[in-house]
Amino acid sequence: TAPPGRRMGHAGAIISGSAGTAAEKIEAFEKAGMGVAKRPIDFVELLRARV
């Protein structure tokens, strides 16, 4: 457990307000030129395109 007044955990799990939502993360990844799999099966094609 975290000490009083502190939050611990994976940074991706800490979401405050609208910052850090899945949609915002996907948009940031796409803006950076990274492929984003919308469905698990899409991962295969993303991987093939980069290998």
PDB file of N, CA and C in Angstrom:
ATOM      1  N   THR A   1       0.831  -1.193   0.000  1.00  0.00           N
ATOM      2  CA  THR A   1       0.000   0.000   0.000  1.00  0.00           C
ATOM      3  C   THR A   1       0.871   1.250   0.000  1.00  0.00           C
ATOM      4  N   ALA A   2       0.304   2.304  -0.506  1.00  0.00           N
ATOM      5  CA  ALA A   2       1.034   3.570  -0.600  1.00  0.00           C
ATOM      6  C   ALA A   2       0.917   4.340   0.707  1.00  0.00           C
ATOM      7  N   PRO A   3       1.942   5.131   1.014  1.00  0.00           N
ATOM      8  CA  PRO A   3       1.854   5.989   2.195  1.00  0.00           C
ATOM      9  C   PRO A   3       0.722   7.007   2.032  1.00  0.00           C
ATOM     10  N   PRO A   4       0.191   7.531   3.118  1.00  0.00           N
ATOM     11  CA  PRO A   4      -0.880   8.534   3.012  1.00  0.00           C
ATOM     12  C   PRO A   4      -0.465   9.697   2.107  1.00  0.00           C
ATOM     13  N   GLY A   5      -1.376  10.100   1.226  1.00  0.00           N
ATOM     14  CA  GLY A   5      -1.108  11.217   0.329  1.00  0.00           C
ATOM     15  C   GLY A   5      -0.336  10.852  -0.925  1.00  0.00           C
ATOM     16  N   ARG A   6      -0.022   9.577  -1.113  1.00  0.00           N
ATOM     17  CA  ARG A   6       0.731   9.142  -2.304  1.00  0.00           C
ATOM     18  C   ARG A   6      -0.035   8.066  -3.026  1.00  0.00           C
ATOM     19  N   ARG A   7       0.152   8.042  -4.349  1.00  0.00           N
ATOM     20  CA  ARG A   7      -0.415   6.967  -5.160  1.00  0.00           C
ATOM     21  C   ARG A   7       0.731   6.218  -5.785  1.00  0.00           C
ATOM     22  N   MET A   8       0.632   4.930  -5.801  1.00  0.00           N
ATOM     23  CA  MET A   8       1.683   4.123  -6.412  1.00  0.00           C
ATOM     24  C   MET A   8       1.035   3.231  -7.462  1.00  0.00           C
ATOM     25  N   GLY A   9       1.834   2.848  -8.417  1.00  0.00           N
ATOM     26  CA  GLY A   9       1.327   1.956  -9.445  1.00  0.00           C
ATOM     27  C   GLY A   9       1.848   2.363 -10.801  1.00  0.00           C
ATOM     28  N   HIS A  10       1.456   1.612 -11.794  1.00  0.00           N
ATOM     29  CA  HIS A  10       1.869   1.857 -13.163  1.00  0.00           C
ATOM     30  C   HIS A  10       1.331   3.205 -13.618  1.00  0.00           C
ATOM     31  N   ALA A  11       2.182   3.998 -14.228  1.00  0.00           N
ATOM     32  CA  ALA A  11       1.774   5.345 -14.654  1.00  0.00           C
ATOM     33  C   ALA A  11       0.571   5.298 -15.578  1.00  0.00           C
ATOM     34  N   GLY A  12       0.484   4.266 -16.402  1.00  0.00           N
ATOM     35  CA  GLY A  12      -0.645   4.156 -17.322  1.00  0.00           C
ATOM     36  C   GLY A  12      -1.962   3.903 -16.623  1.00  0.00           C
ATOM     37  N   ALA A  13      -1.909   3.434 -15.389  1.00  0.00           N
ATOM     38  CA  ALA A  13      -3.135   3.145 -14.650  1.00  0.00           C
ATOM     39  C   ALA A  13      -3.659   4.365 -13.919  1.00  0.00           C
ATOM     40  N   ILE A  14      -2.862   5.403 -13.845  1.00  0.00           N
ATOM     41  CA  ILE A  14      -3.267   6.604 -13.125  1.00  0.00           C
ATOM     42  C   ILE A  14      -3.838   7.601 -14.124  1.00  0.00           C
ATOM     43  N   ILE A  15      -5.130   7.785 -14.054  1.00  0.00           N
ATOM     44  CA  ILE A  15      -5.812   8.681 -14.990  1.00  0.00           C
ATOM     45  C   ILE A  15      -6.530   9.747 -14.180  1.00  0.00           C
ATOM     46  N   SER A  16      -6.306  10.996 -14.528  1.00  0.00           N
ATOM     47  CA  SER A  16      -7.028  12.052 -13.822  1.00  0.00           C
ATOM     48  C   SER A  16      -7.775  12.889 -14.837  1.00  0.00           C
ATOM     49  N   GLY A  17      -9.061  13.053 -14.629  1.00  0.00           N
ATOM     50  CA  GLY A  17      -9.880  13.819 -15.563  1.00  0.00           C
ATOM     51  C   GLY A  17      -9.865  13.178 -16.935  1.00  0.00           C
ATOM     52  N   SER A  18      -9.660  13.991 -17.965  1.00  0.00           N
ATOM     53  CA  SER A  18      -9.632  13.446 -19.322  1.00  0.00           C
ATOM     54  C   SER A  18      -8.208  13.185 -19.790  1.00  0.00           C
ATOM     55  N   ALA A  19      -7.226  13.519 -18.972  1.00  0.00           N
ATOM     56  CA  ALA A  19      -5.827  13.298 -19.353  1.00  0.00           C
ATOM     57  C   ALA A  19      -5.488  11.827 -19.213  1.00  0.00           C
ATOM     58  N   GLY A  20      -4.862  11.296 -20.226  1.00  0.00           N
ATOM     59  CA  GLY A  20      -4.417   9.922 -20.144  1.00  0.00           C
ATOM     60  C   GLY A  20      -5.461   8.886 -20.492  1.00  0.00           C
ATOM     61  N   THR A  21      -6.512   9.288 -21.181  1.00  0.00           N
ATOM     62  CA  THR A  21      -7.512   8.307 -21.587  1.00  0.00           C
ATOM     63  C   THR A  21      -6.945   7.445 -22.706  1.00  0.00           C
ATOM     64  N   ALA A  22      -7.581   6.311 -22.938  1.00  0.00           N
ATOM     65  CA  ALA A  22      -7.135   5.419 -24.007  1.00  0.00           C
ATOM     66  C   ALA A  22      -7.145   6.146 -25.350  1.00  0.00           C
ATOM     67  N   ALA A  23      -8.191   6.909 -25.616  1.00  0.00           N
ATOM     68  CA  ALA A  23      -8.292   7.630 -26.892  1.00  0.00           C
ATOM     69  C   ALA A  23      -7.149   8.621 -27.054  1.00  0.00           C
ATOM     70  N   GLU A  24      -6.789   9.309 -25.984  1.00  0.00           N
ATOM     71  CA  GLU A  24      -5.686  10.275 -26.059  1.00  0.00           C
ATOM     72  C   GLU A  24      -4.352   9.569 -26.265  1.00  0.00           C
ATOM     73  N   LYS A  25      -4.179   8.429 -25.634  1.00  0.00           N
ATOM     74  CA  LYS A  25      -2.938   7.671 -25.811  1.00  0.00           C
ATOM     75  C   LYS A  25      -2.830   7.150 -27.238  1.00  0.00           C
ATOM     76  N   ILE A  26      -3.928   6.636 -27.771  1.00  0.00           N
ATOM     77  CA  ILE A  26      -3.933   6.146 -29.153  1.00  0.00           C
ATOM     78  C   ILE A  26      -3.598   7.288 -30.106  1.00  0.00           C
ATOM     79  N   GLU A  27      -4.206   8.438 -29.898  1.00  0.00           N
ATOM     80  CA  GLU A  27      -3.935   9.604 -30.746  1.00  0.00           C
ATOM     81  C   GLU A  27      -2.458   9.997 -30.678  1.00  0.00           C
ATOM     82  N   ALA A  28      -1.880   9.987 -29.492  1.00  0.00           N
ATOM     83  CA  ALA A  28      -0.468  10.346 -29.333  1.00  0.00           C
ATOM     84  C   ALA A  28       0.435   9.334 -30.030  1.00  0.00           C
ATOM     85  N   PHE A  29       0.125   8.048 -29.896  1.00  0.00           N
ATOM     86  CA  PHE A  29       0.924   7.017 -30.568  1.00  0.00           C
ATOM     87  C   PHE A  29       0.849   7.185 -32.081  1.00  0.00           C
ATOM     88  N   GLU A  30      -0.357   7.384 -32.613  1.00  0.00           N
ATOM     89  CA  GLU A  30      -0.520   7.550 -34.058  1.00  0.00           C
ATOM     90  C   GLU A  30       0.188   8.804 -34.550  1.00  0.00           C
ATOM     91  N   LYS A  31       0.115   9.874 -33.784  1.00  0.00           N
ATOM     92  CA  LYS A  31       0.789  11.125 -34.139  1.00  0.00           C
ATOM     93  C   LYS A  31       2.302  10.929 -34.198  1.00  0.00           C
ATOM     94  N   ALA A  32       2.816  10.035 -33.359  1.00  0.00           N
ATOM     95  CA  ALA A  32       4.249   9.746 -33.320  1.00  0.00           C
ATOM     96  C   ALA A  32       4.660   8.723 -34.378  1.00  0.00           C
ATOM     97  N   GLY A  33       3.690   8.267 -35.183  1.00  0.00           N
ATOM     98  CA  GLY A  33       4.010   7.326 -36.244  1.00  0.00           C
ATOM     99  C   GLY A  33       4.021   5.873 -35.808  1.00  0.00           C
ATOM    100  N   MET A  34       3.509   5.600 -34.637  1.00  0.00           N
ATOM    101  CA  MET A  34       3.452   4.227 -34.142  1.00  0.00           C
ATOM    102  C   MET A  34       2.155   3.585 -34.599  1.00  0.00           C
ATOM    103  N   GLY A  35       2.223   2.311 -34.891  1.00  0.00           N
ATOM    104  CA  GLY A  35       1.015   1.584 -35.235  1.00  0.00           C
ATOM    105  C   GLY A  35       0.230   1.268 -33.978  1.00  0.00           C
ATOM    106  N   VAL A  36      -1.082   1.308 -34.101  1.00  0.00           N
ATOM    107  CA  VAL A  36      -1.948   0.996 -32.968  1.00  0.00           C
ATOM    108  C   VAL A  36      -2.953  -0.050 -33.416  1.00  0.00           C
ATOM    109  N   ALA A  37      -2.973  -1.166 -32.724  1.00  0.00           N
ATOM    110  CA  ALA A  37      -3.919  -2.233 -33.037  1.00  0.00           C
ATOM    111  C   ALA A  37      -5.255  -1.922 -32.376  1.00  0.00           C
ATOM    112  N   LYS A  38      -6.275  -1.762 -33.183  1.00  0.00           N
ATOM    113  CA  LYS A  38      -7.613  -1.499 -32.638  1.00  0.00           C
ATOM    114  C   LYS A  38      -8.232  -2.787 -32.088  1.00  0.00           C
ATOM    115  N   ARG A  39      -7.830  -3.917 -32.685  1.00  0.00           N
ATOM    116  CA  ARG A  39      -8.284  -5.235 -32.238  1.00  0.00           C
ATOM    117  C   ARG A  39      -7.050  -6.124 -32.131  1.00  0.00           C
ATOM    118  N   PRO A  40      -7.077  -7.137 -31.282  1.00  0.00           N
ATOM    119  CA  PRO A  40      -5.904  -8.008 -31.133  1.00  0.00           C
ATOM    120  C   PRO A  40      -5.408  -8.588 -32.460  1.00  0.00           C
ATOM    121  N   ILE A  41      -6.312  -8.951 -33.344  1.00  0.00           N
ATOM    122  CA  ILE A  41      -5.905  -9.540 -34.623  1.00  0.00           C
ATOM    123  C   ILE A  41      -5.134  -8.540 -35.481  1.00  0.00           C
ATOM    124  N   ASP A  42      -5.364  -7.243 -35.289  1.00  0.00           N
ATOM    125  CA  ASP A  42      -4.664  -6.211 -36.058  1.00  0.00           C
ATOM    126  C   ASP A  42      -3.178  -6.162 -35.732  1.00  0.00           C
ATOM    127  N   PHE A  43      -2.810  -6.657 -34.568  1.00  0.00           N
ATOM    128  CA  PHE A  43      -1.407  -6.645 -34.154  1.00  0.00           C
ATOM    129  C   PHE A  43      -0.538  -7.415 -35.141  1.00  0.00           C
ATOM    130  N   VAL A  44      -1.065  -8.506 -35.678  1.00  0.00           N
ATOM    131  CA  VAL A  44      -0.305  -9.333 -36.621  1.00  0.00           C
ATOM    132  C   VAL A  44       0.120  -8.508 -37.828  1.00  0.00           C
ATOM    133  N   GLU A  45      -0.799  -7.768 -38.406  1.00  0.00           N
ATOM    134  CA  GLU A  45      -0.474  -6.956 -39.585  1.00  0.00           C
ATOM    135  C   GLU A  45       0.480  -5.820 -39.238  1.00  0.00           C
ATOM    136  N   LEU A  46       0.311  -5.207 -38.072  1.00  0.00           N
ATOM    137  CA  LEU A  46       1.238  -4.154 -37.652  1.00  0.00           C
ATOM    138  C   LEU A  46       2.648  -4.708 -37.522  1.00  0.00           C
ATOM    139  N   LEU A  47       2.762  -5.879 -36.951  1.00  0.00           N
ATOM    140  CA  LEU A  47       4.069  -6.508 -36.780  1.00  0.00           C
ATOM    141  C   LEU A  47       4.680  -6.871 -38.127  1.00  0.00           C
ATOM    142  N   ARG A  48       3.894  -7.458 -39.011  1.00  0.00           N
ATOM    143  CA  ARG A  48       4.393  -7.824 -40.350  1.00  0.00           C
ATOM    144  C   ARG A  48       4.895  -6.600 -41.108  1.00  0.00           C
ATOM    145  N   ALA A  49       4.217  -5.493 -40.970  1.00  0.00           N
ATOM    146  CA  ALA A  49       4.588  -4.277 -41.689  1.00  0.00           C
ATOM    147  C   ALA A  49       5.917  -3.710 -41.203  1.00  0.00           C
ATOM    148  N   ARG A  50       6.326  -4.076 -40.000  1.00  0.00           N
ATOM    149  CA  ARG A  50       7.543  -3.499 -39.427  1.00  0.00           C
ATOM    150  C   ARG A  50       8.713  -4.469 -39.358  1.00  0.00           C
ATOM    151  N   VAL A  51       8.492  -5.697 -39.764  1.00  0.00           N
ATOM    152  CA  VAL A  51       9.580  -6.687 -39.715  1.00  0.00           C
ATOM    153  C   VAL A  51      10.209  -6.825 -41.077  1.00  0.00           C
TER     154      VAL A  51
END
